[in-house]
Amino acid sequence: MNRFAQITEVRRASDDDGKGIELVCDPGGGNTVIAEYIQPAGDDSLPLVGDFVAIAEVESSGKFQAVGVNDPVNAGTSANGEVRRYSRNSARVPVAEIRLRSDGSIEINSLAASQPIVIHATGAVQLISDSDDIRLGQGGRKIACVGDLVVGSMAAIAAGGGAPITPTPVTVANACPVVGKIVSGLAGASGG
């Protein structure tokens, strides 16, 4: 028999079949049901107390399995064919998400104020892109790399008789355009 229930407790459990997840559920009528929650290998996503779950009784065993969990508070926002994974805090508010869009773009978003996106690695962290347009920041500024050309202005007044050059503030009247190349940068960082 299949039915819906509300999750009242989420717990990790171990038995002869290995390590798993048990959902204590209230299907109504004062009963409590414990349902085994099976996830794909490599997925470690626990529901919250208060989420709704579809449970199915395992034939002739008296045991139940959770066959799907629903977030009853947050409406889905992905379009047909898209994948969105998100986490929620204890107040049920989404705080982080990964989106695989139907146009081929991928987004990783920290939705909580001032929370970083952190990548840990014991080896090199590589951004491999066939694009020469890599941008950082909310304004989408391009990354300057070692080897890129830079343009600027400089002004100087040379004192006579071999005296050193004395820099002065740049003004339109005495500005001299200069072109250079970035020859050094943050150790271990490169692009191009």
N, C-alpha and C. Protein backbone atom coordinates (compact mmCIF):
# COMPACT_ATOMS: atom_id res chain seq x y z
N MET A 1 0.84 -1.17 0.00
CA MET A 1 0.00 0.00 0.00
C MET A 1 0.89 1.24 0.00
N ASN A 2 0.60 2.20 -0.86
CA ASN A 2 1.34 3.46 -0.93
C ASN A 2 0.54 4.54 -0.23
N ARG A 3 1.23 5.46 0.45
CA ARG A 3 0.56 6.58 1.09
C ARG A 3 1.55 7.70 1.35
N PHE A 4 1.02 8.85 1.75
CA PHE A 4 1.84 10.00 2.06
C PHE A 4 1.92 10.17 3.57
N ALA A 5 3.04 10.73 4.03
CA ALA A 5 3.23 10.96 5.46
C ALA A 5 4.09 12.20 5.64
N GLN A 6 4.10 12.71 6.85
CA GLN A 6 4.96 13.85 7.17
C GLN A 6 6.13 13.32 8.01
N ILE A 7 7.34 13.79 7.69
CA ILE A 7 8.53 13.33 8.40
C ILE A 7 8.58 14.01 9.78
N THR A 8 8.75 13.18 10.83
CA THR A 8 8.85 13.71 12.19
C THR A 8 10.26 13.57 12.75
N GLU A 9 11.09 12.72 12.13
CA GLU A 9 12.48 12.54 12.57
C GLU A 9 13.29 11.95 11.43
N VAL A 10 14.53 12.38 11.31
CA VAL A 10 15.45 11.85 10.31
C VAL A 10 16.65 11.31 11.08
N ARG A 11 17.02 10.06 10.81
CA ARG A 11 18.17 9.50 11.54
C ARG A 11 18.97 8.56 10.65
N ARG A 12 20.26 8.53 10.93
CA ARG A 12 21.14 7.59 10.24
C ARG A 12 21.14 6.29 11.03
N ALA A 13 21.18 5.18 10.32
CA ALA A 13 21.10 3.88 10.99
C ALA A 13 22.03 2.90 10.30
N SER A 14 22.47 1.90 11.05
CA SER A 14 23.29 0.83 10.50
C SER A 14 22.62 -0.50 10.81
N ASP A 15 22.65 -1.40 9.84
CA ASP A 15 22.12 -2.74 10.07
C ASP A 15 22.94 -3.71 9.23
N ASP A 16 22.44 -4.93 9.08
CA ASP A 16 23.18 -5.95 8.33
C ASP A 16 23.35 -5.57 6.86
N ASP A 17 22.48 -4.70 6.36
CA ASP A 17 22.56 -4.28 4.95
C ASP A 17 23.50 -3.09 4.75
N GLY A 18 24.04 -2.54 5.82
CA GLY A 18 24.96 -1.41 5.70
C GLY A 18 24.43 -0.18 6.40
N LYS A 19 25.00 0.96 6.05
CA LYS A 19 24.60 2.22 6.66
C LYS A 19 23.49 2.84 5.82
N GLY A 20 22.48 3.34 6.48
CA GLY A 20 21.34 3.88 5.75
C GLY A 20 20.70 5.04 6.48
N ILE A 21 19.52 5.41 6.01
CA ILE A 21 18.77 6.53 6.58
C ILE A 21 17.37 6.04 6.87
N GLU A 22 16.88 6.36 8.06
CA GLU A 22 15.52 6.04 8.43
C GLU A 22 14.74 7.33 8.61
N LEU A 23 13.53 7.35 8.08
CA LEU A 23 12.63 8.47 8.25
C LEU A 23 11.48 8.02 9.13
N VAL A 24 11.34 8.68 10.27
CA VAL A 24 10.20 8.42 11.13
C VAL A 24 9.07 9.30 10.61
N CYS A 25 7.94 8.69 10.26
CA CYS A 25 6.88 9.39 9.54
C CYS A 25 5.55 9.28 10.27
N ASP A 26 4.72 10.27 10.05
CA ASP A 26 3.35 10.27 10.58
C ASP A 26 2.39 10.27 9.40
N PRO A 27 1.82 9.11 9.09
CA PRO A 27 0.87 9.06 7.98
C PRO A 27 -0.55 9.45 8.39
N GLY A 28 -0.72 9.88 9.63
CA GLY A 28 -2.04 10.26 10.12
C GLY A 28 -2.66 9.14 10.95
N GLY A 29 -3.65 9.48 11.71
CA GLY A 29 -4.34 8.48 12.51
C GLY A 29 -3.59 8.04 13.74
N GLY A 30 -2.56 8.78 14.15
CA GLY A 30 -1.82 8.45 15.36
C GLY A 30 -0.77 7.38 15.20
N ASN A 31 -0.55 6.90 14.00
CA ASN A 31 0.47 5.88 13.77
C ASN A 31 1.81 6.51 13.48
N THR A 32 2.88 5.80 13.82
CA THR A 32 4.24 6.19 13.44
C THR A 32 4.80 5.07 12.59
N VAL A 33 5.39 5.44 11.46
CA VAL A 33 5.96 4.46 10.54
C VAL A 33 7.43 4.82 10.32
N ILE A 34 8.28 3.82 10.31
CA ILE A 34 9.69 4.04 9.99
C ILE A 34 9.92 3.53 8.57
N ALA A 35 10.41 4.44 7.72
CA ALA A 35 10.63 4.09 6.31
C ALA A 35 12.12 4.23 5.99
N GLU A 36 12.64 3.23 5.29
CA GLU A 36 14.03 3.27 4.85
C GLU A 36 14.13 4.21 3.66
N TYR A 37 15.09 5.13 3.72
CA TYR A 37 15.25 6.13 2.66
C TYR A 37 16.45 5.75 1.81
N ILE A 38 16.21 5.37 0.58
CA ILE A 38 17.26 4.93 -0.34
C ILE A 38 17.59 6.06 -1.30
N GLN A 39 18.90 6.35 -1.45
CA GLN A 39 19.36 7.40 -2.35
C GLN A 39 20.33 6.81 -3.36
N PRO A 40 20.55 7.49 -4.47
CA PRO A 40 21.57 7.02 -5.42
C PRO A 40 22.95 7.05 -4.77
N ALA A 41 23.82 6.13 -5.16
CA ALA A 41 25.19 6.11 -4.65
C ALA A 41 25.85 7.46 -4.92
N GLY A 42 26.52 7.98 -3.91
CA GLY A 42 27.18 9.28 -4.06
C GLY A 42 26.33 10.46 -3.66
N ASP A 43 25.06 10.25 -3.38
CA ASP A 43 24.16 11.33 -2.96
C ASP A 43 23.97 11.24 -1.45
N ASP A 44 24.20 12.31 -0.75
CA ASP A 44 24.02 12.36 0.70
C ASP A 44 23.17 13.58 1.00
N SER A 45 21.86 13.45 0.85
CA SER A 45 20.93 14.56 0.98
C SER A 45 19.81 14.18 1.94
N LEU A 46 19.85 14.75 3.12
CA LEU A 46 18.82 14.43 4.12
C LEU A 46 17.67 15.42 4.02
N PRO A 47 16.43 14.93 4.13
CA PRO A 47 15.28 15.83 4.16
C PRO A 47 15.18 16.51 5.52
N LEU A 48 14.28 17.45 5.64
CA LEU A 48 14.03 18.14 6.90
C LEU A 48 12.77 17.58 7.55
N VAL A 49 12.73 17.67 8.87
CA VAL A 49 11.50 17.35 9.60
C VAL A 49 10.42 18.30 9.08
N GLY A 50 9.25 17.76 8.77
CA GLY A 50 8.15 18.55 8.22
C GLY A 50 7.98 18.35 6.73
N ASP A 51 9.01 17.82 6.04
CA ASP A 51 8.85 17.49 4.62
C ASP A 51 7.84 16.35 4.50
N PHE A 52 7.23 16.24 3.32
CA PHE A 52 6.31 15.16 3.05
C PHE A 52 7.03 14.05 2.29
N VAL A 53 6.61 12.81 2.56
CA VAL A 53 7.27 11.66 1.95
C VAL A 53 6.20 10.69 1.45
N ALA A 54 6.48 10.11 0.29
CA ALA A 54 5.64 9.02 -0.21
C ALA A 54 6.28 7.73 0.28
N ILE A 55 5.49 6.90 0.94
CA ILE A 55 6.02 5.65 1.47
C ILE A 55 5.27 4.49 0.85
N ALA A 56 5.99 3.38 0.70
CA ALA A 56 5.40 2.16 0.14
C ALA A 56 5.74 1.01 1.06
N GLU A 57 4.76 0.19 1.33
CA GLU A 57 4.98 -0.98 2.18
C GLU A 57 5.64 -2.07 1.36
N VAL A 58 6.73 -2.62 1.92
CA VAL A 58 7.41 -3.72 1.25
C VAL A 58 6.55 -4.96 1.45
N GLU A 59 6.19 -5.61 0.37
CA GLU A 59 5.20 -6.69 0.40
C GLU A 59 5.53 -7.77 1.43
N SER A 60 4.56 -8.05 2.27
CA SER A 60 4.60 -9.13 3.26
C SER A 60 5.72 -9.01 4.28
N SER A 61 6.27 -7.81 4.47
CA SER A 61 7.37 -7.68 5.43
C SER A 61 7.02 -6.78 6.61
N GLY A 62 6.01 -5.95 6.44
CA GLY A 62 5.67 -4.99 7.49
C GLY A 62 6.62 -3.80 7.53
N LYS A 63 7.55 -3.74 6.59
CA LYS A 63 8.51 -2.63 6.52
C LYS A 63 8.08 -1.66 5.43
N PHE A 64 8.60 -0.43 5.53
CA PHE A 64 8.26 0.60 4.56
C PHE A 64 9.52 1.18 3.93
N GLN A 65 9.37 1.65 2.71
CA GLN A 65 10.43 2.38 2.03
C GLN A 65 9.90 3.75 1.63
N ALA A 66 10.79 4.76 1.77
CA ALA A 66 10.47 6.10 1.29
C ALA A 66 10.82 6.15 -0.19
N VAL A 67 9.84 6.45 -1.02
CA VAL A 67 10.08 6.44 -2.46
C VAL A 67 10.17 7.84 -3.05
N GLY A 68 9.99 8.86 -2.23
CA GLY A 68 10.12 10.24 -2.70
C GLY A 68 9.82 11.20 -1.59
N VAL A 69 10.57 12.29 -1.54
CA VAL A 69 10.37 13.32 -0.52
C VAL A 69 10.08 14.64 -1.21
N ASN A 70 9.15 15.42 -0.66
CA ASN A 70 8.76 16.69 -1.24
C ASN A 70 8.98 17.82 -0.24
N ASP A 71 9.56 18.93 -0.71
CA ASP A 71 9.68 20.15 0.08
C ASP A 71 8.34 20.87 -0.02
N PRO A 72 7.56 20.93 1.05
CA PRO A 72 6.23 21.52 0.96
C PRO A 72 6.20 23.04 1.00
N VAL A 73 7.34 23.68 1.21
CA VAL A 73 7.38 25.13 1.40
C VAL A 73 7.88 25.86 0.16
N ASN A 74 8.97 25.40 -0.43
CA ASN A 74 9.62 26.12 -1.53
C ASN A 74 9.19 25.55 -2.88
N ALA A 75 8.61 26.41 -3.69
CA ALA A 75 8.19 26.00 -5.03
C ALA A 75 9.41 25.79 -5.91
N GLY A 76 9.33 24.83 -6.79
CA GLY A 76 10.42 24.61 -7.74
C GLY A 76 10.55 25.76 -8.73
N THR A 77 11.76 25.98 -9.22
CA THR A 77 11.99 27.07 -10.17
C THR A 77 12.68 26.60 -11.45
N SER A 78 12.99 25.31 -11.57
CA SER A 78 13.66 24.86 -12.78
C SER A 78 12.65 24.69 -13.92
N ALA A 79 13.13 24.87 -15.13
CA ALA A 79 12.30 24.69 -16.32
C ALA A 79 12.39 23.23 -16.77
N ASN A 80 11.54 22.84 -17.70
CA ASN A 80 11.56 21.48 -18.23
C ASN A 80 12.96 21.13 -18.73
N GLY A 81 13.44 19.97 -18.34
CA GLY A 81 14.76 19.50 -18.77
C GLY A 81 15.91 19.98 -17.91
N GLU A 82 15.67 20.86 -16.95
CA GLU A 82 16.74 21.41 -16.13
C GLU A 82 16.90 20.63 -14.83
N VAL A 83 18.07 20.77 -14.20
CA VAL A 83 18.35 20.15 -12.92
C VAL A 83 18.74 21.25 -11.94
N ARG A 84 18.13 21.22 -10.77
CA ARG A 84 18.46 22.19 -9.71
C ARG A 84 18.58 21.42 -8.40
N ARG A 85 19.71 21.56 -7.73
CA ARG A 85 19.90 20.98 -6.41
C ARG A 85 20.07 22.14 -5.45
N TYR A 86 19.38 22.10 -4.32
CA TYR A 86 19.51 23.19 -3.36
C TYR A 86 19.49 22.66 -1.93
N SER A 87 20.12 23.42 -1.05
CA SER A 87 20.09 23.08 0.37
C SER A 87 19.27 24.13 1.10
N ARG A 88 18.75 23.76 2.28
CA ARG A 88 17.91 24.65 3.07
C ARG A 88 18.45 24.72 4.49
N ASN A 89 18.24 25.85 5.13
CA ASN A 89 18.60 25.95 6.54
C ASN A 89 17.45 25.43 7.40
N SER A 90 17.60 25.51 8.72
CA SER A 90 16.57 24.95 9.61
C SER A 90 15.25 25.70 9.51
N ALA A 91 15.27 26.93 8.98
CA ALA A 91 14.03 27.69 8.77
C ALA A 91 13.40 27.38 7.40
N ARG A 92 13.96 26.40 6.69
CA ARG A 92 13.47 25.92 5.40
C ARG A 92 13.78 26.87 4.24
N VAL A 93 14.65 27.83 4.47
CA VAL A 93 15.00 28.81 3.43
C VAL A 93 16.15 28.26 2.59
N PRO A 94 16.04 28.25 1.23
CA PRO A 94 17.15 27.82 0.39
C PRO A 94 18.38 28.71 0.61
N VAL A 95 19.55 28.08 0.82
CA VAL A 95 20.77 28.84 1.11
C VAL A 95 21.89 28.59 0.11
N ALA A 96 21.78 27.56 -0.72
CA ALA A 96 22.79 27.30 -1.75
C ALA A 96 22.15 26.46 -2.84
N GLU A 97 22.63 26.65 -4.09
CA GLU A 97 22.06 25.86 -5.18
C GLU A 97 23.06 25.67 -6.31
N ILE A 98 22.84 24.60 -7.04
CA ILE A 98 23.55 24.32 -8.28
C ILE A 98 22.47 24.13 -9.34
N ARG A 99 22.62 24.84 -10.46
CA ARG A 99 21.64 24.75 -11.55
C ARG A 99 22.32 24.30 -12.84
N LEU A 100 21.73 23.32 -13.49
CA LEU A 100 22.15 22.89 -14.83
C LEU A 100 21.01 23.32 -15.75
N ARG A 101 21.24 24.38 -16.49
CA ARG A 101 20.18 25.00 -17.30
C ARG A 101 20.01 24.28 -18.64
N SER A 102 18.83 24.42 -19.22
CA SER A 102 18.53 23.78 -20.50
C SER A 102 19.25 24.44 -21.67
N ASP A 103 19.84 25.64 -21.46
CA ASP A 103 20.63 26.27 -22.53
C ASP A 103 22.10 25.85 -22.47
N GLY A 104 22.47 24.96 -21.50
CA GLY A 104 23.84 24.48 -21.38
C GLY A 104 24.65 25.23 -20.35
N SER A 105 24.13 26.31 -19.78
CA SER A 105 24.87 27.05 -18.76
C SER A 105 24.75 26.36 -17.41
N ILE A 106 25.74 26.60 -16.56
CA ILE A 106 25.78 26.02 -15.22
C ILE A 106 25.97 27.16 -14.23
N GLU A 107 25.19 27.15 -13.15
CA GLU A 107 25.30 28.18 -12.12
C GLU A 107 25.52 27.52 -10.77
N ILE A 108 26.41 28.09 -9.98
CA ILE A 108 26.60 27.70 -8.59
C ILE A 108 26.36 28.96 -7.77
N ASN A 109 25.38 28.94 -6.88
CA ASN A 109 24.98 30.14 -6.15
C ASN A 109 24.98 29.91 -4.66
N SER A 110 25.62 30.82 -3.93
CA SER A 110 25.45 30.89 -2.48
C SER A 110 24.35 31.91 -2.25
N LEU A 111 23.22 31.47 -1.72
CA LEU A 111 22.07 32.35 -1.55
C LEU A 111 22.04 33.02 -0.19
N ALA A 112 22.89 32.60 0.72
CA ALA A 112 22.96 33.18 2.06
C ALA A 112 23.92 34.36 2.04
N ALA A 113 23.56 35.44 2.69
CA ALA A 113 24.37 36.66 2.68
C ALA A 113 25.78 36.39 3.18
N SER A 114 26.75 36.87 2.43
CA SER A 114 28.18 36.84 2.80
C SER A 114 28.76 35.45 2.94
N GLN A 115 28.13 34.43 2.39
CA GLN A 115 28.70 33.08 2.47
C GLN A 115 29.49 32.78 1.20
N PRO A 116 30.69 32.23 1.35
CA PRO A 116 31.56 31.99 0.19
C PRO A 116 31.23 30.70 -0.54
N ILE A 117 31.78 30.58 -1.72
CA ILE A 117 31.83 29.31 -2.44
C ILE A 117 33.28 28.87 -2.34
N VAL A 118 33.52 27.73 -1.73
CA VAL A 118 34.87 27.27 -1.42
C VAL A 118 35.17 26.01 -2.21
N ILE A 119 36.36 25.95 -2.80
CA ILE A 119 36.83 24.76 -3.50
C ILE A 119 38.09 24.30 -2.78
N HIS A 120 38.08 23.07 -2.27
CA HIS A 120 39.25 22.50 -1.59
C HIS A 120 39.90 21.49 -2.52
N ALA A 121 41.21 21.54 -2.60
CA ALA A 121 41.94 20.56 -3.42
C ALA A 121 43.33 20.40 -2.85
N THR A 122 43.89 19.19 -2.94
CA THR A 122 45.28 18.99 -2.55
C THR A 122 46.20 19.18 -3.75
N GLY A 123 45.64 19.18 -4.94
CA GLY A 123 46.41 19.43 -6.15
C GLY A 123 46.02 20.77 -6.75
N ALA A 124 46.42 20.99 -7.98
CA ALA A 124 46.13 22.26 -8.66
C ALA A 124 44.64 22.42 -8.89
N VAL A 125 44.17 23.65 -8.82
CA VAL A 125 42.80 23.98 -9.18
C VAL A 125 42.87 24.62 -10.56
N GLN A 126 42.23 24.03 -11.55
CA GLN A 126 42.32 24.50 -12.92
C GLN A 126 40.96 24.95 -13.42
N LEU A 127 40.95 26.07 -14.10
CA LEU A 127 39.78 26.50 -14.84
C LEU A 127 40.14 26.30 -16.30
N ILE A 128 39.51 25.34 -16.92
CA ILE A 128 39.83 25.03 -18.31
C ILE A 128 38.72 25.59 -19.17
N SER A 129 39.08 26.52 -20.03
CA SER A 129 38.07 27.18 -20.86
C SER A 129 38.65 27.49 -22.22
N ASP A 130 37.85 27.31 -23.25
CA ASP A 130 38.26 27.71 -24.59
C ASP A 130 37.95 29.18 -24.84
N SER A 131 37.40 29.86 -23.85
CA SER A 131 37.04 31.26 -23.98
C SER A 131 38.19 32.16 -23.53
N ASP A 132 38.41 33.26 -24.22
CA ASP A 132 39.38 34.24 -23.76
C ASP A 132 38.69 35.36 -22.98
N ASP A 133 37.45 35.14 -22.62
CA ASP A 133 36.66 36.14 -21.89
C ASP A 133 36.23 35.54 -20.55
N ILE A 134 37.12 35.61 -19.57
CA ILE A 134 36.84 35.12 -18.23
C ILE A 134 36.68 36.33 -17.33
N ARG A 135 35.57 36.40 -16.60
CA ARG A 135 35.25 37.60 -15.82
C ARG A 135 35.03 37.27 -14.36
N LEU A 136 35.33 38.26 -13.53
CA LEU A 136 35.12 38.16 -12.10
C LEU A 136 34.32 39.36 -11.62
N GLY A 137 33.63 39.19 -10.50
CA GLY A 137 32.94 40.32 -9.89
C GLY A 137 31.55 40.53 -10.45
N GLN A 138 30.76 41.28 -9.70
CA GLN A 138 29.38 41.52 -10.08
C GLN A 138 29.28 42.31 -11.37
N GLY A 139 30.25 43.19 -11.62
CA GLY A 139 30.25 43.96 -12.85
C GLY A 139 30.78 43.20 -14.04
N GLY A 140 31.29 41.98 -13.81
CA GLY A 140 31.79 41.17 -14.91
C GLY A 140 33.08 41.68 -15.50
N ARG A 141 34.01 42.14 -14.63
CA ARG A 141 35.30 42.63 -15.13
C ARG A 141 36.15 41.47 -15.59
N LYS A 142 36.85 41.65 -16.73
CA LYS A 142 37.72 40.62 -17.24
C LYS A 142 38.93 40.45 -16.32
N ILE A 143 39.46 39.22 -16.27
CA ILE A 143 40.66 38.94 -15.50
C ILE A 143 41.87 39.40 -16.30
N ALA A 144 42.76 40.15 -15.66
CA ALA A 144 44.02 40.52 -16.30
C ALA A 144 45.04 39.44 -15.97
N CYS A 145 45.77 38.99 -16.98
CA CYS A 145 46.71 37.89 -16.82
C CYS A 145 48.13 38.34 -17.14
N VAL A 146 49.10 37.61 -16.62
CA VAL A 146 50.49 37.84 -16.99
C VAL A 146 50.59 37.72 -18.50
N GLY A 147 51.19 38.69 -19.13
CA GLY A 147 51.32 38.72 -20.59
C GLY A 147 50.34 39.66 -21.26
N ASP A 148 49.28 40.07 -20.56
CA ASP A 148 48.33 41.03 -21.11
C ASP A 148 48.98 42.40 -21.22
N LEU A 149 48.54 43.18 -22.21
CA LEU A 149 49.01 44.55 -22.36
C LEU A 149 48.19 45.47 -21.47
N VAL A 150 48.87 46.52 -20.97
CA VAL A 150 48.20 47.53 -20.18
C VAL A 150 48.51 48.89 -20.78
N VAL A 151 47.59 49.82 -20.65
CA VAL A 151 47.75 51.17 -21.17
C VAL A 151 47.52 52.15 -20.03
N GLY A 152 48.30 53.21 -20.01
CA GLY A 152 48.12 54.21 -18.97
C GLY A 152 48.73 55.53 -19.39
N SER A 153 48.81 56.46 -18.45
CA SER A 153 49.41 57.77 -18.68
C SER A 153 50.40 58.07 -17.57
N MET A 154 51.43 58.82 -17.92
CA MET A 154 52.42 59.19 -16.93
C MET A 154 52.97 60.55 -17.33
N ALA A 155 53.41 61.29 -16.36
CA ALA A 155 54.01 62.59 -16.63
C ALA A 155 55.25 62.75 -15.75
N ALA A 156 56.27 63.41 -16.27
CA ALA A 156 57.48 63.65 -15.50
C ALA A 156 58.12 64.94 -15.98
N ILE A 157 58.77 65.61 -15.09
CA ILE A 157 59.55 66.80 -15.44
C ILE A 157 61.00 66.47 -15.17
N ALA A 158 61.83 66.65 -16.18
CA ALA A 158 63.25 66.37 -16.00
C ALA A 158 63.95 67.66 -15.62
N ALA A 159 64.66 67.62 -14.55
CA ALA A 159 65.45 68.78 -14.14
C ALA A 159 66.71 68.79 -14.97
N GLY A 160 67.25 69.97 -15.26
CA GLY A 160 68.44 70.08 -16.10
C GLY A 160 69.70 69.60 -15.39
N GLY A 161 70.75 69.40 -16.19
CA GLY A 161 72.06 69.06 -15.66
C GLY A 161 72.16 67.69 -15.03
N GLY A 162 71.48 66.71 -15.57
CA GLY A 162 71.60 65.34 -15.07
C GLY A 162 70.86 65.08 -13.76
N ALA A 163 70.02 66.02 -13.36
CA ALA A 163 69.26 65.82 -12.14
C ALA A 163 68.25 64.70 -12.34
N PRO A 164 67.83 64.04 -11.28
CA PRO A 164 66.86 62.94 -11.43
C PRO A 164 65.51 63.45 -11.92
N ILE A 165 64.73 62.51 -12.46
CA ILE A 165 63.38 62.83 -12.93
C ILE A 165 62.47 62.96 -11.72
N THR A 166 61.70 64.01 -11.70
CA THR A 166 60.78 64.26 -10.59
C THR A 166 59.35 64.04 -11.10
N PRO A 167 58.63 63.06 -10.56
CA PRO A 167 57.26 62.85 -11.04
C PRO A 167 56.34 63.97 -10.59
N THR A 168 55.36 64.27 -11.41
CA THR A 168 54.35 65.26 -11.07
C THR A 168 52.99 64.65 -11.34
N PRO A 169 51.93 65.21 -10.77
CA PRO A 169 50.60 64.66 -11.06
C PRO A 169 50.29 64.75 -12.56
N VAL A 170 49.60 63.73 -13.07
CA VAL A 170 49.25 63.69 -14.48
C VAL A 170 48.13 64.68 -14.74
N THR A 171 48.30 65.51 -15.75
CA THR A 171 47.25 66.40 -16.22
C THR A 171 47.15 66.21 -17.72
N VAL A 172 46.08 66.72 -18.31
CA VAL A 172 45.91 66.58 -19.75
C VAL A 172 47.08 67.23 -20.48
N ALA A 173 47.58 68.34 -19.94
CA ALA A 173 48.64 69.09 -20.61
C ALA A 173 49.97 68.33 -20.64
N ASN A 174 50.27 67.57 -19.57
CA ASN A 174 51.59 66.93 -19.55
C ASN A 174 51.53 65.40 -19.59
N ALA A 175 50.38 64.83 -19.91
CA ALA A 175 50.24 63.37 -19.93
C ALA A 175 50.96 62.77 -21.11
N CYS A 176 51.63 61.71 -20.85
CA CYS A 176 52.34 60.97 -21.90
C CYS A 176 51.81 59.54 -21.87
N PRO A 177 51.19 59.07 -22.97
CA PRO A 177 50.65 57.71 -22.94
C PRO A 177 51.77 56.67 -22.86
N VAL A 178 51.50 55.59 -22.13
CA VAL A 178 52.47 54.49 -22.03
C VAL A 178 51.73 53.18 -22.27
N VAL A 179 52.44 52.22 -22.81
CA VAL A 179 51.92 50.88 -23.02
C VAL A 179 52.91 49.92 -22.38
N GLY A 180 52.39 48.93 -21.67
CA GLY A 180 53.27 47.96 -21.03
C GLY A 180 52.65 46.58 -21.06
N LYS A 181 53.33 45.66 -20.42
CA LYS A 181 52.87 44.28 -20.35
C LYS A 181 52.94 43.83 -18.89
N ILE A 182 51.92 43.11 -18.43
CA ILE A 182 51.96 42.57 -17.09
C ILE A 182 53.03 41.47 -17.07
N VAL A 183 54.02 41.65 -16.20
CA VAL A 183 55.13 40.69 -16.16
C VAL A 183 55.14 39.86 -14.88
N SER A 184 54.31 40.21 -13.91
CA SER A 184 54.24 39.39 -12.71
C SER A 184 52.85 39.46 -12.14
N GLY A 185 52.51 38.49 -11.33
CA GLY A 185 51.19 38.44 -10.74
C GLY A 185 51.22 37.57 -9.51
N LEU A 186 50.07 37.19 -9.03
CA LEU A 186 49.93 36.37 -7.85
C LEU A 186 50.64 35.04 -8.08
N ALA A 187 51.49 34.67 -7.16
CA ALA A 187 52.24 33.41 -7.29
C ALA A 187 51.27 32.25 -7.43
N GLY A 188 51.50 31.39 -8.40
CA GLY A 188 50.68 30.21 -8.59
C GLY A 188 49.41 30.45 -9.38
N ALA A 189 49.13 31.71 -9.76
CA ALA A 189 47.93 31.99 -10.54
C ALA A 189 48.35 32.39 -11.95
N SER A 190 47.67 31.86 -12.93
CA SER A 190 47.95 32.24 -14.31
C SER A 190 46.71 32.08 -15.12
N GLY A 191 46.70 32.67 -16.28
CA GLY A 191 45.57 32.54 -17.16
C GLY A 191 46.02 32.78 -18.58
N GLY A 192 45.16 32.48 -19.51
CA GLY A 192 45.54 32.75 -20.89
C GLY A 192 45.17 31.62 -21.80
